[in-house]
Amino acid sequence: EVQLVESGGGLVQPGGSLRLSCVASGFTFSSYAMSWVRQAPGKELEWVSGIDSLGGSTVYADSMKGRLTISRDNAKNTLYLQMNSLKPEDTAVYYCAKPEKTTGWGNLPLNQYNYWGQGTQVTVSS
């Protein structure tokens, strides 16, 4: 059974930092690119960042470029998202997502992800 379990969210002041983690199980983690996707209150899901299967290539949404670092540790089956200089508009539930195909990578249409974690809440507020 595929499982994705996020952690690391919380309440942070504007300008602060958080590091999100996603522990994967039930599939060959190192064979799949992975992504982070977020959903702000009252808004649609928004792709945030992606990383290829080996961690050698990364891509970011323009809205957060320069403030994020996505990484992975395939030995630990874990995906990370380091978020810096957080803004109130970054408040959202953040999900890690696994694409359906091993060839899927980057900013995929959301219907091409077949597994999602339960999400971790990030709240940026003073």
N, C-alpha and C. Protein backbone atom coordinates (compact mmCIF):
# COMPACT_ATOMS: atom_id res chain seq x y z
N GLU A 1 0.84 -1.19 0.00
CA GLU A 1 0.00 0.00 0.00
C GLU A 1 0.88 1.25 0.00
N VAL A 2 0.62 2.10 -0.96
CA VAL A 2 1.37 3.36 -1.05
C VAL A 2 0.93 4.30 0.07
N GLN A 3 1.91 4.85 0.75
CA GLN A 3 1.62 5.85 1.77
C GLN A 3 2.60 7.01 1.63
N LEU A 4 2.09 8.21 1.81
CA LEU A 4 2.88 9.43 1.83
C LEU A 4 2.47 10.18 3.09
N VAL A 5 3.42 10.42 3.98
CA VAL A 5 3.10 11.04 5.26
C VAL A 5 3.94 12.30 5.43
N GLU A 6 3.26 13.44 5.38
CA GLU A 6 3.94 14.72 5.52
C GLU A 6 4.04 15.14 6.99
N SER A 7 5.01 15.95 7.27
CA SER A 7 5.17 16.55 8.59
C SER A 7 5.98 17.83 8.46
N GLY A 8 6.03 18.58 9.55
CA GLY A 8 6.87 19.77 9.57
C GLY A 8 6.14 21.09 9.45
N GLY A 9 4.85 21.05 9.21
CA GLY A 9 4.11 22.29 9.13
C GLY A 9 3.93 22.92 10.50
N GLY A 10 3.36 24.11 10.50
CA GLY A 10 3.12 24.79 11.76
C GLY A 10 2.85 26.26 11.54
N LEU A 11 2.85 26.99 12.64
CA LEU A 11 2.64 28.43 12.61
C LEU A 11 4.00 29.12 12.63
N VAL A 12 4.20 30.03 11.69
CA VAL A 12 5.47 30.74 11.61
C VAL A 12 5.19 32.20 11.29
N GLN A 13 6.04 33.08 11.77
CA GLN A 13 5.88 34.50 11.48
C GLN A 13 6.35 34.82 10.07
N PRO A 14 5.82 35.88 9.49
CA PRO A 14 6.33 36.30 8.17
C PRO A 14 7.84 36.47 8.20
N GLY A 15 8.48 35.98 7.16
CA GLY A 15 9.93 36.00 7.08
C GLY A 15 10.59 34.77 7.66
N GLY A 16 9.81 33.92 8.30
CA GLY A 16 10.34 32.72 8.92
C GLY A 16 10.54 31.58 7.94
N SER A 17 10.99 30.47 8.49
CA SER A 17 11.31 29.29 7.68
C SER A 17 10.67 28.04 8.26
N LEU A 18 10.41 27.10 7.39
CA LEU A 18 9.95 25.78 7.79
C LEU A 18 10.56 24.76 6.85
N ARG A 19 10.72 23.54 7.37
CA ARG A 19 11.17 22.43 6.54
C ARG A 19 10.13 21.34 6.62
N LEU A 20 9.53 21.05 5.49
CA LEU A 20 8.54 19.99 5.41
C LEU A 20 9.21 18.68 5.01
N SER A 21 8.67 17.58 5.50
CA SER A 21 9.15 16.25 5.14
C SER A 21 7.99 15.40 4.68
N CYS A 22 8.28 14.44 3.84
CA CYS A 22 7.29 13.49 3.35
C CYS A 22 7.95 12.13 3.30
N VAL A 23 7.50 11.22 4.13
CA VAL A 23 8.05 9.87 4.14
C VAL A 23 7.16 8.98 3.28
N ALA A 24 7.78 8.31 2.33
CA ALA A 24 7.06 7.48 1.38
C ALA A 24 7.27 6.00 1.67
N SER A 25 6.27 5.21 1.38
CA SER A 25 6.38 3.76 1.53
C SER A 25 5.42 3.09 0.56
N GLY A 26 5.67 1.81 0.29
CA GLY A 26 4.77 1.03 -0.54
C GLY A 26 5.06 1.07 -2.02
N PHE A 27 6.13 1.76 -2.42
CA PHE A 27 6.53 1.80 -3.83
C PHE A 27 8.03 2.09 -3.87
N THR A 28 8.62 1.93 -5.05
CA THR A 28 10.05 2.19 -5.21
C THR A 28 10.26 3.69 -5.35
N PHE A 29 10.51 4.33 -4.22
CA PHE A 29 10.58 5.79 -4.15
C PHE A 29 11.60 6.35 -5.14
N SER A 30 12.74 5.69 -5.26
CA SER A 30 13.82 6.20 -6.10
C SER A 30 13.52 6.14 -7.59
N SER A 31 12.42 5.52 -7.97
CA SER A 31 12.05 5.41 -9.39
C SER A 31 11.14 6.55 -9.85
N TYR A 32 10.67 7.35 -8.92
CA TYR A 32 9.66 8.36 -9.25
C TYR A 32 10.13 9.76 -8.93
N ALA A 33 9.89 10.68 -9.87
CA ALA A 33 9.95 12.08 -9.52
C ALA A 33 8.83 12.36 -8.51
N MET A 34 8.99 13.40 -7.74
CA MET A 34 7.98 13.75 -6.72
C MET A 34 7.71 15.25 -6.78
N SER A 35 6.58 15.62 -6.26
CA SER A 35 6.21 17.03 -6.24
C SER A 35 5.60 17.43 -4.90
N TRP A 36 5.63 18.73 -4.67
CA TRP A 36 4.86 19.34 -3.60
C TRP A 36 3.77 20.18 -4.25
N VAL A 37 2.58 20.09 -3.68
CA VAL A 37 1.41 20.82 -4.15
C VAL A 37 0.75 21.44 -2.93
N ARG A 38 0.19 22.64 -3.06
CA ARG A 38 -0.44 23.27 -1.90
C ARG A 38 -1.85 23.72 -2.24
N GLN A 39 -2.64 23.91 -1.20
CA GLN A 39 -3.99 24.43 -1.36
C GLN A 39 -4.24 25.47 -0.28
N ALA A 40 -4.35 26.71 -0.71
CA ALA A 40 -4.65 27.80 0.20
C ALA A 40 -6.15 27.84 0.49
N PRO A 41 -6.54 28.44 1.59
CA PRO A 41 -7.97 28.49 1.94
C PRO A 41 -8.79 29.10 0.81
N GLY A 42 -9.81 28.38 0.38
CA GLY A 42 -10.70 28.88 -0.64
C GLY A 42 -10.15 28.89 -2.05
N LYS A 43 -8.98 28.30 -2.24
CA LYS A 43 -8.36 28.31 -3.56
C LYS A 43 -8.13 26.90 -4.07
N GLU A 44 -7.80 26.80 -5.36
CA GLU A 44 -7.55 25.50 -5.95
C GLU A 44 -6.14 25.00 -5.60
N LEU A 45 -5.94 23.73 -5.85
CA LEU A 45 -4.62 23.15 -5.68
C LEU A 45 -3.62 23.85 -6.60
N GLU A 46 -2.43 24.06 -6.08
CA GLU A 46 -1.39 24.76 -6.83
C GLU A 46 -0.09 23.96 -6.73
N TRP A 47 0.45 23.58 -7.87
CA TRP A 47 1.74 22.89 -7.88
C TRP A 47 2.81 23.88 -7.42
N VAL A 48 3.74 23.40 -6.56
CA VAL A 48 4.74 24.26 -5.95
C VAL A 48 6.15 23.95 -6.43
N SER A 49 6.49 22.64 -6.45
CA SER A 49 7.86 22.28 -6.77
C SER A 49 7.94 20.82 -7.13
N GLY A 50 8.94 20.47 -7.94
CA GLY A 50 9.15 19.08 -8.32
C GLY A 50 10.63 18.75 -8.35
N ILE A 51 10.91 17.46 -8.19
CA ILE A 51 12.29 16.97 -8.21
C ILE A 51 12.31 15.65 -8.95
N ASP A 52 13.36 15.42 -9.73
CA ASP A 52 13.41 14.17 -10.48
C ASP A 52 13.76 13.01 -9.55
N SER A 53 13.78 11.81 -10.10
CA SER A 53 13.87 10.62 -9.27
C SER A 53 15.20 10.52 -8.50
N LEU A 54 16.26 11.05 -9.09
CA LEU A 54 17.57 10.96 -8.45
C LEU A 54 17.93 12.23 -7.67
N GLY A 55 17.11 13.24 -7.77
CA GLY A 55 17.38 14.48 -7.05
C GLY A 55 18.31 15.42 -7.76
N GLY A 56 18.59 15.14 -9.02
CA GLY A 56 19.54 15.97 -9.74
C GLY A 56 18.94 17.19 -10.40
N SER A 57 17.64 17.17 -10.60
CA SER A 57 16.97 18.29 -11.26
C SER A 57 15.77 18.72 -10.44
N THR A 58 15.60 20.01 -10.31
CA THR A 58 14.49 20.56 -9.53
C THR A 58 13.82 21.68 -10.32
N VAL A 59 12.59 21.95 -9.99
CA VAL A 59 11.84 23.01 -10.65
C VAL A 59 10.86 23.60 -9.64
N TYR A 60 10.58 24.90 -9.81
CA TYR A 60 9.77 25.62 -8.82
C TYR A 60 8.73 26.49 -9.51
N ALA A 61 7.62 26.67 -8.80
CA ALA A 61 6.62 27.61 -9.27
C ALA A 61 7.16 29.03 -9.16
N ASP A 62 6.79 29.87 -10.09
CA ASP A 62 7.28 31.26 -10.08
C ASP A 62 6.92 31.98 -8.78
N SER A 63 5.77 31.63 -8.22
CA SER A 63 5.29 32.33 -7.02
C SER A 63 6.20 32.12 -5.81
N MET A 64 6.98 31.05 -5.84
CA MET A 64 7.82 30.75 -4.68
C MET A 64 9.30 30.58 -5.04
N LYS A 65 9.61 30.83 -6.30
CA LYS A 65 10.99 30.63 -6.75
C LYS A 65 11.94 31.53 -5.96
N GLY A 66 13.06 30.96 -5.56
CA GLY A 66 14.04 31.71 -4.79
C GLY A 66 13.87 31.57 -3.29
N ARG A 67 12.71 31.06 -2.90
CA ARG A 67 12.43 30.90 -1.47
C ARG A 67 12.32 29.44 -1.06
N LEU A 68 12.39 28.54 -2.05
CA LEU A 68 12.21 27.12 -1.79
C LEU A 68 13.44 26.32 -2.20
N THR A 69 13.64 25.21 -1.48
CA THR A 69 14.59 24.21 -1.91
C THR A 69 13.95 22.84 -1.71
N ILE A 70 13.73 22.14 -2.81
CA ILE A 70 13.22 20.78 -2.72
C ILE A 70 14.40 19.83 -2.78
N SER A 71 14.31 18.76 -2.02
CA SER A 71 15.38 17.76 -2.02
C SER A 71 14.78 16.42 -1.63
N ARG A 72 15.60 15.40 -1.76
CA ARG A 72 15.15 14.06 -1.40
C ARG A 72 16.32 13.23 -0.92
N ASP A 73 16.00 12.24 -0.09
CA ASP A 73 16.98 11.26 0.36
C ASP A 73 16.40 9.90 0.01
N ASN A 74 16.85 9.33 -1.07
CA ASN A 74 16.29 8.06 -1.53
C ASN A 74 16.61 6.91 -0.57
N ALA A 75 17.67 7.02 0.17
CA ALA A 75 18.00 5.98 1.15
C ALA A 75 17.00 5.97 2.30
N LYS A 76 16.39 7.12 2.55
CA LYS A 76 15.40 7.23 3.63
C LYS A 76 13.98 7.34 3.10
N ASN A 77 13.81 7.23 1.78
CA ASN A 77 12.48 7.34 1.17
C ASN A 77 11.77 8.63 1.62
N THR A 78 12.49 9.70 1.64
CA THR A 78 11.96 10.95 2.18
C THR A 78 12.17 12.11 1.21
N LEU A 79 11.13 12.90 1.08
CA LEU A 79 11.11 14.12 0.28
C LEU A 79 11.06 15.30 1.24
N TYR A 80 11.77 16.37 0.88
CA TYR A 80 11.82 17.55 1.74
C TYR A 80 11.44 18.80 0.95
N LEU A 81 10.99 19.80 1.71
CA LEU A 81 10.78 21.13 1.13
C LEU A 81 11.20 22.16 2.17
N GLN A 82 12.30 22.83 1.90
CA GLN A 82 12.77 23.92 2.75
C GLN A 82 12.15 25.21 2.23
N MET A 83 11.44 25.90 3.11
CA MET A 83 10.75 27.13 2.73
C MET A 83 11.29 28.29 3.57
N ASN A 84 11.77 29.31 2.91
CA ASN A 84 12.33 30.47 3.58
C ASN A 84 11.56 31.73 3.20
N SER A 85 11.77 32.78 3.99
CA SER A 85 11.13 34.07 3.72
C SER A 85 9.64 33.92 3.49
N LEU A 86 9.01 33.19 4.37
CA LEU A 86 7.59 32.88 4.18
C LEU A 86 6.73 34.13 4.30
N LYS A 87 5.66 34.13 3.52
CA LYS A 87 4.72 35.25 3.46
C LYS A 87 3.34 34.77 3.88
N PRO A 88 2.49 35.66 4.35
CA PRO A 88 1.12 35.25 4.71
C PRO A 88 0.40 34.52 3.58
N GLU A 89 0.67 34.90 2.34
CA GLU A 89 0.01 34.25 1.22
C GLU A 89 0.52 32.83 0.96
N ASP A 90 1.54 32.42 1.69
CA ASP A 90 1.99 31.03 1.59
C ASP A 90 1.19 30.11 2.51
N THR A 91 0.31 30.68 3.31
CA THR A 91 -0.55 29.87 4.17
C THR A 91 -1.37 28.90 3.34
N ALA A 92 -1.24 27.62 3.65
CA ALA A 92 -1.90 26.58 2.85
C ALA A 92 -1.65 25.23 3.49
N VAL A 93 -2.36 24.24 3.01
CA VAL A 93 -2.03 22.85 3.30
C VAL A 93 -1.09 22.39 2.19
N TYR A 94 0.02 21.83 2.59
CA TYR A 94 1.03 21.38 1.64
C TYR A 94 1.00 19.85 1.56
N TYR A 95 0.94 19.36 0.32
CA TYR A 95 0.87 17.93 0.06
C TYR A 95 2.08 17.48 -0.74
N CYS A 96 2.59 16.29 -0.45
CA CYS A 96 3.50 15.67 -1.39
C CYS A 96 2.67 14.76 -2.29
N ALA A 97 3.12 14.63 -3.51
CA ALA A 97 2.35 13.90 -4.51
C ALA A 97 3.24 13.04 -5.36
N LYS A 98 2.77 11.84 -5.65
CA LYS A 98 3.49 10.86 -6.47
C LYS A 98 2.81 10.78 -7.83
N PRO A 99 3.56 10.91 -8.92
CA PRO A 99 2.94 10.78 -10.24
C PRO A 99 2.60 9.32 -10.53
N GLU A 100 1.67 9.13 -11.43
CA GLU A 100 1.25 7.76 -11.79
C GLU A 100 2.36 7.02 -12.53
N LYS A 101 3.12 7.74 -13.33
CA LYS A 101 4.13 7.10 -14.17
C LYS A 101 5.53 7.50 -13.73
N THR A 102 6.45 6.58 -13.91
CA THR A 102 7.84 6.88 -13.57
C THR A 102 8.43 7.94 -14.50
N THR A 103 7.82 8.12 -15.65
CA THR A 103 8.31 9.12 -16.60
C THR A 103 7.76 10.50 -16.30
N GLY A 104 6.81 10.61 -15.42
CA GLY A 104 6.23 11.91 -15.09
C GLY A 104 7.17 12.71 -14.22
N TRP A 105 7.31 13.99 -14.55
CA TRP A 105 8.25 14.84 -13.80
C TRP A 105 7.92 16.30 -14.05
N GLY A 106 8.11 17.11 -13.03
CA GLY A 106 7.90 18.54 -13.17
C GLY A 106 6.48 18.94 -12.87
N ASN A 107 6.05 20.03 -13.50
CA ASN A 107 4.73 20.60 -13.26
C ASN A 107 3.69 19.83 -14.07
N LEU A 108 3.31 18.67 -13.56
CA LEU A 108 2.35 17.83 -14.26
C LEU A 108 0.93 18.30 -14.00
N PRO A 109 0.02 18.00 -14.91
CA PRO A 109 -1.40 18.20 -14.59
C PRO A 109 -1.73 17.40 -13.35
N LEU A 110 -2.57 17.98 -12.50
CA LEU A 110 -2.81 17.35 -11.21
C LEU A 110 -3.43 15.96 -11.33
N ASN A 111 -4.13 15.69 -12.42
CA ASN A 111 -4.74 14.36 -12.58
C ASN A 111 -3.71 13.30 -12.94
N GLN A 112 -2.46 13.68 -13.11
CA GLN A 112 -1.42 12.70 -13.37
C GLN A 112 -0.70 12.26 -12.10
N TYR A 113 -1.14 12.77 -10.96
CA TYR A 113 -0.65 12.28 -9.68
C TYR A 113 -1.68 11.28 -9.14
N ASN A 114 -1.21 10.11 -8.76
CA ASN A 114 -2.18 9.11 -8.31
C ASN A 114 -2.16 8.86 -6.81
N TYR A 115 -1.19 9.43 -6.11
CA TYR A 115 -1.19 9.32 -4.66
C TYR A 115 -0.78 10.65 -4.04
N TRP A 116 -1.45 10.96 -2.95
CA TRP A 116 -1.22 12.21 -2.21
C TRP A 116 -1.10 11.88 -0.73
N GLY A 117 -0.33 12.69 -0.03
CA GLY A 117 -0.32 12.56 1.41
C GLY A 117 -1.55 13.21 2.03
N GLN A 118 -1.60 13.19 3.34
CA GLN A 118 -2.74 13.78 4.04
C GLN A 118 -2.59 15.30 4.18
N GLY A 119 -1.40 15.79 3.93
CA GLY A 119 -1.15 17.23 3.98
C GLY A 119 -0.64 17.68 5.34
N THR A 120 0.09 18.79 5.32
CA THR A 120 0.56 19.42 6.55
C THR A 120 0.25 20.91 6.45
N GLN A 121 -0.33 21.45 7.50
CA GLN A 121 -0.77 22.84 7.49
C GLN A 121 0.39 23.78 7.76
N VAL A 122 0.54 24.77 6.90
CA VAL A 122 1.51 25.86 7.10
C VAL A 122 0.72 27.15 7.24
N THR A 123 0.91 27.82 8.36
CA THR A 123 0.24 29.09 8.61
C THR A 123 1.29 30.16 8.86
N VAL A 124 1.25 31.20 8.04
CA VAL A 124 2.21 32.30 8.16
C VAL A 124 1.44 33.51 8.67
N SER A 125 1.72 33.89 9.89
CA SER A 125 0.97 34.98 10.50
C SER A 125 1.75 35.55 11.67
N SER A 126 1.58 36.84 11.87
CA SER A 126 2.20 37.49 13.02
C SER A 126 1.25 37.51 14.21
